[in-house]
Protein backbone atom coordinates (compact mmCIF):
# COMPACT_ATOMS: atom_id res chain seq x y z
CA MET A 1 -0.17 0.07 -0.31
CA ILE A 2 0.95 3.36 -0.73
CA SER A 3 0.27 6.21 2.06
CA VAL A 4 -0.02 9.44 0.83
CA ILE A 5 0.25 11.94 3.90
CA ILE A 6 -0.67 15.60 3.38
CA PRO A 7 -0.01 18.16 6.38
CA ALA A 8 -2.44 20.99 6.23
CA LYS A 9 -4.07 24.04 7.50
CA ASN A 10 -6.98 25.88 6.04
CA GLU A 11 -6.42 24.55 2.70
CA GLU A 12 -9.93 24.00 1.42
CA LYS A 13 -9.38 25.33 -1.92
CA LEU A 14 -5.67 23.87 -2.73
CA ILE A 15 -6.18 20.70 -1.24
CA LYS A 16 -9.29 19.84 -3.20
CA LEU A 17 -6.96 20.01 -6.49
CA LEU A 18 -4.24 17.77 -4.86
CA LEU A 19 -7.15 15.38 -3.87
CA ASP A 20 -8.85 15.45 -7.45
CA SER A 21 -5.21 14.75 -8.90
CA LEU A 22 -4.81 11.89 -6.56
CA LYS A 23 -8.34 10.55 -7.36
CA ILE A 24 -7.26 9.86 -11.15
CA GLN A 25 -4.03 8.11 -10.23
CA ASP A 26 -3.95 4.70 -12.13
CA CYS A 27 -1.88 3.03 -9.55
CA ALA A 28 -2.04 -0.85 -9.15
CA LYS A 29 -1.14 -0.58 -5.41
CA GLU A 30 -3.89 0.60 -2.95
CA VAL A 31 -3.61 4.06 -2.02
CA GLU A 32 -4.62 5.66 1.44
CA ILE A 33 -4.89 9.35 2.14
CA ILE A 34 -3.81 10.69 5.53
CA VAL A 35 -4.54 14.29 6.18
CA ALA A 36 -2.83 15.83 9.15
CA ASP A 37 -4.83 18.71 9.62
CA ALA A 38 -3.76 21.40 12.07
CA HIS A 39 -6.75 22.59 13.42
CA SER A 40 -7.98 24.35 10.30
CA THR A 41 -10.99 26.71 10.74
CA ASP A 42 -12.33 26.66 7.24
CA ARG A 43 -13.88 23.47 5.63
CA THR A 44 -10.55 21.55 5.08
CA ARG A 45 -11.58 18.73 6.97
CA GLU A 46 -15.23 18.67 5.50
CA VAL A 47 -13.52 18.90 1.99
CA VAL A 48 -11.47 15.72 2.65
CA GLN A 49 -14.23 13.85 4.03
CA LYS A 50 -16.19 13.92 0.68
CA TYR A 51 -13.11 11.93 -1.21
CA ARG A 52 -13.82 8.54 1.38
CA THR A 53 -15.36 7.10 -1.42
CA ALA A 54 -12.42 7.37 -4.00
CA PHE A 55 -9.70 5.87 -1.89
CA LYS A 56 -9.24 2.67 -0.04
CA ASN A 57 -8.93 4.89 3.04
CA VAL A 58 -9.23 8.47 4.04
CA LEU A 59 -7.91 9.54 7.53
CA ILE A 60 -7.61 12.75 9.11
CA VAL A 61 -5.43 12.72 12.27
CA ASP A 62 -4.61 16.00 14.07
CA GLY A 63 -1.53 17.87 13.11
CA GLY A 64 0.38 20.72 13.89
CA MET A 65 3.67 22.36 12.31
CA PRO A 66 4.26 20.66 9.15
CA TRP A 67 6.94 18.47 10.20
CA THR A 68 4.82 17.28 13.41
CA GLY A 69 1.90 16.79 10.87
CA ARG A 70 4.01 14.42 9.05
CA ASN A 71 5.42 12.34 11.66
CA LEU A 72 1.86 11.99 13.04
CA GLY A 73 0.44 10.96 9.50
CA ALA A 74 3.03 8.67 9.25
CA LYS A 75 2.50 6.83 12.29
CA ALA A 76 -1.02 6.48 11.39
CA ALA A 77 -0.20 5.19 8.17
CA SER A 78 -0.63 1.51 6.89
CA GLY A 79 1.84 1.57 3.67
CA ASP A 80 5.21 0.13 3.11
CA LEU A 81 6.06 3.47 1.08
CA LEU A 82 5.35 6.95 2.51
CA VAL A 83 4.50 9.83 0.17
CA PHE A 84 4.84 13.06 1.79
CA ILE A 85 3.26 15.94 -0.10
CA ASP A 86 2.04 19.52 0.55
CA ALA A 87 -1.29 20.29 0.36
CA ASP A 88 -0.69 23.22 -2.38
CA LEU A 89 0.81 20.84 -5.08
CA ILE A 90 -0.70 19.19 -7.82
CA LEU A 91 0.35 15.92 -9.46
CA PRO A 92 0.10 16.22 -13.32
CA GLU A 93 0.11 12.83 -14.65
CA ARG A 94 -2.07 9.74 -13.71
CA TYR A 95 1.12 7.45 -13.47
CA PHE A 96 2.69 9.72 -10.96
CA LEU A 97 2.55 7.37 -8.10
CA THR A 98 3.27 4.11 -10.23
CA LYS A 99 6.67 5.78 -11.32
CA ILE A 100 7.41 6.42 -8.01
CA ASN A 101 6.65 2.95 -6.79
CA ASN A 102 8.18 1.43 -9.81
CA ALA A 103 11.64 3.43 -9.10
CA PHE A 104 11.45 2.49 -5.58
CA ARG A 105 11.48 -1.17 -6.53
CA GLU A 106 13.59 -1.26 -9.61
CA HIS A 107 16.35 0.78 -8.01
CA ASN A 108 16.07 -0.27 -4.51
CA ILE A 109 15.59 3.26 -3.42
CA SER A 110 14.94 4.03 0.16
CA ILE A 111 14.34 7.75 0.10
CA ALA A 112 13.52 10.26 -2.90
CA THR A 113 12.08 13.41 -4.00
CA VAL A 114 10.94 14.63 -7.31
CA TYR A 115 11.42 17.82 -9.43
CA LEU A 116 9.08 20.76 -9.16
CA LYS A 117 7.13 23.00 -11.55
CA PRO A 118 5.54 26.25 -10.57
CA ILE A 119 1.61 26.62 -11.41
CA SER A 120 2.32 29.86 -13.06
CA ASN A 121 2.68 31.60 -16.61
CA LYS A 122 5.43 33.96 -15.31
CA LEU A 123 8.56 33.26 -16.91
CA ILE A 124 10.41 34.28 -13.55
CA ASP A 125 8.84 31.84 -11.65
CA HIS A 126 9.72 28.98 -14.18
CA ILE A 127 13.40 30.38 -14.18
CA LEU A 128 13.61 30.14 -9.98
CA VAL A 129 11.96 26.78 -9.99
CA GLY A 130 14.07 25.39 -12.76
CA SER A 131 17.17 26.70 -10.72
CA TYR A 132 16.02 24.69 -7.79
CA ASN A 133 15.94 21.64 -10.02
CA VAL A 134 19.33 22.25 -11.18
CA ILE A 135 20.44 22.38 -7.76
CA LEU A 136 18.48 19.42 -6.48
CA TYR A 137 20.11 17.38 -9.28
CA LEU A 138 23.78 18.63 -8.54
CA ALA A 139 23.29 18.21 -4.75
CA GLN A 140 22.51 14.36 -4.89
CA PHE A 141 26.48 13.98 -5.72
CA VAL A 142 27.29 15.74 -2.27
CA ARG A 143 24.34 16.41 -0.07
CA PRO A 144 20.71 15.28 -1.15
CA LEU A 145 17.94 17.41 -0.70
CA GLY A 146 14.34 17.24 -0.95
CA ALA A 147 11.19 19.39 -0.62
CA MET A 148 7.40 19.52 -0.81
CA CYS A 149 7.40 15.98 -2.14
CA ILE A 150 9.41 13.29 -0.50
CA MET A 151 8.61 9.65 -0.30
CA ALA A 152 10.55 7.11 1.94
CA THR A 153 10.32 3.42 2.68
CA ARG A 154 8.87 2.92 6.03
CA GLU A 155 11.99 1.38 7.32
CA ALA A 156 14.12 4.45 6.17
CA PHE A 157 11.52 6.68 7.79
CA GLU A 158 11.50 4.97 11.16
CA LYS A 159 15.09 4.22 11.27
CA SER A 160 16.02 7.90 10.68
CA GLY A 161 13.57 9.34 13.51
CA GLY A 162 11.35 11.00 10.89
CA TYR A 163 11.10 14.67 10.50
CA PRO A 164 13.15 16.55 12.99
CA GLU A 165 11.19 18.41 15.16
CA ASP A 166 13.81 20.49 17.03
CA VAL A 167 14.38 22.73 13.95
CA VAL A 168 12.70 25.69 12.94
CA MET A 169 13.43 25.57 9.01
CA SER A 170 14.35 23.23 6.16
CA GLU A 171 13.36 20.06 8.18
CA ASP A 172 12.63 18.10 4.92
CA HIS A 173 16.31 18.58 3.68
CA ASP A 174 17.24 17.35 7.29
CA PHE A 175 15.25 14.50 6.96
CA VAL A 176 16.44 13.55 3.60
CA LEU A 177 20.14 13.65 4.82
CA TYR A 178 19.15 11.44 7.99
CA ALA A 179 17.19 8.77 5.89
CA ARG A 180 19.74 8.49 3.47
CA GLN A 181 21.83 6.71 5.87
CA TYR A 182 19.54 4.01 5.94
CA GLY A 183 19.26 3.32 2.15
CA LYS A 184 19.82 4.51 -1.30
CA TYR A 185 18.57 8.21 -2.36
CA GLY A 186 17.40 9.10 -5.67
CA ILE A 187 15.36 11.53 -7.94
CA VAL A 188 12.20 10.27 -9.68
CA PRO A 189 12.52 11.92 -13.06
CA ILE A 190 8.78 13.36 -12.63
CA SER A 191 7.72 16.82 -11.82
CA ALA A 192 4.99 17.77 -9.14
CA ARG A 193 3.36 21.26 -9.68
CA ILE A 194 3.70 23.64 -6.98
CA SER A 195 1.94 26.88 -6.35
CA VAL A 196 3.35 30.12 -6.09
CA ARG A 197 1.42 31.80 -3.23
CA ARG A 198 4.46 32.05 -1.18
CA PHE A 199 6.09 33.93 -4.28
CA GLU A 200 3.20 36.34 -4.47
CA LYS A 201 2.81 36.89 -0.83
CA GLU A 202 6.78 37.37 0.31
CA GLY A 203 8.26 38.39 -2.83
CA ARG A 204 10.09 36.28 -5.01
CA TRP A 205 13.78 37.89 -4.66
CA GLY A 206 13.23 38.28 -0.99
CA LEU A 207 12.03 34.87 -0.56
CA VAL A 208 14.98 33.16 -2.76
CA SER A 209 17.68 35.23 -0.60
CA LYS A 210 16.23 33.65 2.56
CA TYR A 211 16.42 30.31 0.84
CA ILE A 212 19.93 30.89 0.02
CA TYR A 213 21.01 32.20 3.17
CA ALA A 214 19.02 29.01 4.84
CA THR A 215 21.41 26.88 2.74
CA TYR A 216 24.36 28.33 3.50
CA TYR A 217 23.64 28.26 7.39
CA ARG A 218 22.99 24.70 7.11
CA VAL A 219 25.88 23.50 5.21
CA VAL A 220 28.14 25.74 7.76
CA TYR A 221 26.44 25.51 10.85
CA GLY A 222 23.87 22.62 10.54
CA PRO A 223 20.30 21.77 11.41
CA ILE A 224 18.58 25.51 11.93
CA ARG A 225 17.34 24.99 15.43
CA LYS A 226 16.86 28.72 15.77
CA PRO A 227 15.29 31.56 13.90
CA ILE A 228 17.76 33.19 11.48
CA PHE A 229 15.39 35.78 9.92
CA GLU A 230 11.50 36.47 9.80
CA TYR A 231 10.29 33.85 7.82
CA GLU A 232 6.40 32.84 7.28
CA PHE A 233 5.64 29.12 7.63
CA GLU A 234 2.92 27.27 5.61
CA TYR A 235 0.54 28.17 8.30
CA ASP A 236 -0.37 31.90 8.19
CA ASP A 237 -0.96 32.27 11.98
CA ILE A 238 2.58 30.78 13.05
CA ILE A 239 5.62 33.30 12.32
CA LYS A 240 9.02 32.76 13.65
CA LYS A 241 10.83 36.10 13.92
CA THR A 242 14.62 36.71 14.87
């Protein structure tokens, strides 16, 4: 079974798009959906409930910060392959999960990620996300990365300890780095489409400069366990400031 784990808060509009793209997946393995909801005040839970007939199992668990939600979702999961997807992503092709499953089986992968494409018509967004993809590809030979859409075997997840909860940023990259110690890392050659709402809200160049500094900090000092700049998390009511 493949367990798709989605951390969310107040995502009634975008999570529907993700679930629609999951519903049409052509996958031989059974798929279960686990949404770790951080006490949404909108209709997120109600929207998720409507997909109970589309999947073998749809489960809503209480979440928290994104990393906590992913860990709680994994704890409730039944699958041997865990797929962690942010709520504002879309899977653009119906064989997305099949290709992931095949890659893990054929190449004996334990932890992996995919490339990203922006849901945008702006060239600058494609340039910025394309730059991330180039870095992602090159980093696999030195210090593997992964964000927004990460998959792992249950064994690798459990041995690594899951997503670190003692950090304030870039926990997804840290998780990939830890999990790689217990198996093979890979980049599945497919793309997930991502919302550019954070680009729109925080400004493209300002956000990119923060990501660059965060990358530098992680390489030089290690995991980011204290705020190093003002940064708004996925959940708009949780803000970390210096």
